[in-house]
Each structure stands twice: as C-alpha cells, then as structure tokens.
Protein backbone atom coordinates (compact mmCIF):
# COMPACT_ATOMS: atom_id res chain seq x y z
CA MET A 1 -21.83 -59.65 -27.96
CA ALA A 2 -23.44 -58.98 -24.58
CA SER A 3 -26.54 -60.17 -23.74
CA ASN A 4 -27.47 -58.30 -20.64
CA ARG A 5 -27.48 -54.89 -22.58
CA ALA A 6 -30.20 -53.12 -24.56
CA LEU A 7 -27.92 -51.20 -26.70
CA TRP A 8 -24.26 -51.96 -27.43
CA TYR A 9 -21.63 -50.38 -29.94
CA VAL A 10 -18.89 -52.16 -31.63
CA ALA A 11 -16.36 -49.83 -33.33
CA ALA A 12 -14.98 -50.19 -37.06
CA THR A 13 -12.08 -52.33 -37.79
CA LYS A 14 -10.26 -53.14 -41.20
CA LYS A 15 -12.57 -56.15 -41.69
CA SER A 16 -15.78 -54.19 -41.00
CA PRO A 17 -15.06 -50.53 -41.91
CA HIS A 18 -18.48 -49.03 -40.28
CA GLY A 19 -19.22 -49.10 -36.85
CA THR A 20 -22.11 -51.19 -35.36
CA LEU A 21 -24.74 -50.40 -32.76
CA TYR A 22 -26.63 -53.37 -31.73
CA VAL A 23 -30.08 -53.34 -30.10
CA ARG A 24 -31.71 -55.97 -28.27
CA CYS A 25 -35.58 -56.23 -28.32
CA HIS A 26 -38.56 -57.82 -26.94
CA VAL A 27 -40.95 -58.01 -29.44
CA LYS A 28 -44.68 -58.17 -28.73
CA PRO A 29 -46.84 -59.19 -31.75
CA GLY A 30 -50.43 -59.08 -32.09
CA ALA A 31 -50.81 -55.70 -30.26
CA SER A 32 -53.59 -53.36 -31.04
CA LYS A 33 -52.68 -50.75 -33.64
CA CYS A 34 -52.73 -47.77 -30.90
CA ARG A 35 -50.28 -49.76 -28.78
CA GLU A 36 -47.94 -50.23 -31.67
CA GLY A 37 -44.49 -48.97 -31.11
CA VAL A 38 -41.35 -48.61 -28.68
CA THR A 39 -43.22 -49.14 -25.25
CA ALA A 40 -40.24 -49.12 -22.81
CA VAL A 41 -36.23 -48.67 -22.84
CA ASN A 42 -34.82 -51.11 -20.06
CA GLU A 43 -31.30 -52.01 -19.25
CA ASP A 44 -31.76 -55.48 -20.85
CA ALA A 45 -34.19 -54.83 -23.68
CA VAL A 46 -35.98 -52.35 -25.89
CA GLU A 47 -39.91 -53.25 -25.52
CA VAL A 48 -41.42 -52.88 -28.93
CA CYS A 49 -45.36 -53.72 -29.59
CA VAL A 50 -46.09 -54.36 -33.17
CA SER A 51 -49.99 -55.22 -34.63
CA ALA A 52 -48.59 -57.96 -36.87
CA GLN A 53 -48.81 -61.45 -36.07
CA ALA A 54 -45.81 -63.85 -35.68
CA ARG A 55 -45.99 -65.70 -38.83
CA GLU A 56 -44.14 -65.88 -41.79
CA GLY A 57 -41.88 -63.02 -40.99
CA GLU A 58 -44.93 -60.40 -40.66
CA ALA A 59 -43.92 -59.25 -37.09
CA ASN A 60 -40.13 -58.97 -38.09
CA LYS A 61 -40.96 -56.73 -40.76
CA ALA A 62 -43.21 -54.58 -38.50
CA LEU A 63 -40.39 -54.46 -36.13
CA VAL A 64 -37.93 -53.15 -38.65
CA LYS A 65 -40.39 -50.52 -40.08
CA ILE A 66 -41.24 -49.18 -36.52
CA LEU A 67 -37.46 -48.86 -35.44
CA SER A 68 -36.55 -47.19 -38.89
CA GLU A 69 -39.44 -44.58 -38.22
CA VAL A 70 -38.12 -44.07 -34.63
CA LEU A 71 -34.32 -43.89 -35.55
CA ASP A 72 -35.04 -41.87 -38.47
CA LEU A 73 -33.16 -44.28 -40.86
CA PRO A 74 -34.16 -46.35 -44.01
CA LYS A 75 -34.98 -49.98 -43.13
CA SER A 76 -32.17 -51.08 -45.16
CA ASP A 77 -29.68 -50.00 -42.46
CA LEU A 78 -31.26 -52.38 -40.06
CA GLN A 79 -30.97 -56.21 -39.81
CA ILE A 80 -32.12 -58.68 -37.68
CA ILE A 81 -29.37 -60.73 -36.74
CA GLN A 82 -30.43 -63.00 -33.69
CA GLY A 83 -33.75 -64.38 -32.97
CA PRO A 84 -35.68 -64.21 -36.33
CA LYS A 85 -38.33 -66.62 -34.67
CA SER A 86 -38.04 -65.46 -31.11
CA ARG A 87 -39.63 -62.80 -29.43
CA GLN A 88 -36.01 -61.51 -28.23
CA LYS A 89 -34.32 -60.20 -30.90
CA THR A 90 -30.91 -58.61 -31.66
CA ILE A 91 -30.87 -55.87 -34.64
CA ALA A 92 -27.91 -54.42 -36.10
CA VAL A 93 -27.83 -50.95 -37.42
CA VAL A 94 -25.31 -49.49 -39.49
CA ALA A 95 -25.81 -45.99 -40.48
CA PRO A 96 -23.67 -42.92 -41.17
CA TRP A 97 -24.20 -41.26 -37.77
CA VAL A 98 -23.11 -44.83 -36.22
CA ASN A 99 -19.39 -44.11 -37.10
CA ALA A 100 -19.74 -40.68 -34.96
CA GLY A 101 -18.06 -42.45 -31.88
CA GLU A 102 -19.68 -44.93 -29.33
CA GLN A 103 -20.90 -42.12 -26.61
CA GLU A 104 -22.35 -39.96 -29.21
CA CYS A 105 -24.06 -42.62 -30.91
CA LEU A 106 -25.49 -44.29 -28.07
CA THR A 107 -26.80 -41.21 -26.29
CA GLN A 108 -28.52 -40.10 -29.86
CA VAL A 109 -30.28 -43.55 -30.08
CA LYS A 110 -31.21 -43.70 -26.27
CA ALA A 111 -32.72 -40.08 -26.84
CA TYR A 112 -34.71 -41.55 -30.02
CA LEU A 113 -35.88 -44.45 -28.07
CA ASP A 114 -36.90 -42.36 -25.08
CA LYS A 115 -39.04 -40.21 -27.34
CA ALA A 116 -40.84 -42.84 -29.14
CA SER A 117 -41.38 -44.85 -25.54
CA SER A 118 -42.86 -41.46 -23.82
CA ASP A 119 -45.00 -40.86 -27.04
CA ALA A 120 -46.35 -44.38 -27.00
C-alpha cells in the first residue's frame, strides 16, 4: 500500500472478490461541532475534524460516521485498517460502486470529498 496518496484503489482478485478503496485520513479530534467534517483534501491525506475526543475509540467512531455520510454509504462498508490510536488513519471502503473500476471509483470519491470540504 502506498503511503503518499490520499486515495488509492486495489482491484478485486480471486482471494478478495471485491475491489477496495483506501482513504488516508488525518484526523483532528476535539474540534467544535460547527467545524466537524471533511476540511481539506490534499495529495497525501484527507483532513477530517471530529468533535469527539480521542479516547476509547470515540474519535474513530465519529470519523467512520462522518465518512459514511460524506460517501453516502453504510458505516459497515468502512473499516479503519491502520492507525486506530493515531491521527493518521487508513480507511478501507468496500461498496458495490467500488467495483465499477479504478478511474470511475476514484473520480466519484474525489467529487464527494471535494463537495464535503467546500461545504465545511
């Protein structure tokens, strides 16, 4: 997995029949409620502010909730696979539209994230 990209796609294989989209996030816990959400989409990470504190997984749950709302997916389609106790996290997204192909998937997610960051 690449460590210098905010979004990357791994195609389906025989072992894993579904394609997976990975989203690298930089989480800022303890933000005010009005700042909560996607604040920026950079080349190396998606910046997300959450109002929950970074204790007992509260910020992780808030991050998954925010991304599920932004990407219009159920929370069960997102999983933190790297960095559960760090501000730098990698989220795996497995959803039906992820299998549409790499370029289409990345374009769609980038549009969702850009819209969310401009609304914030």
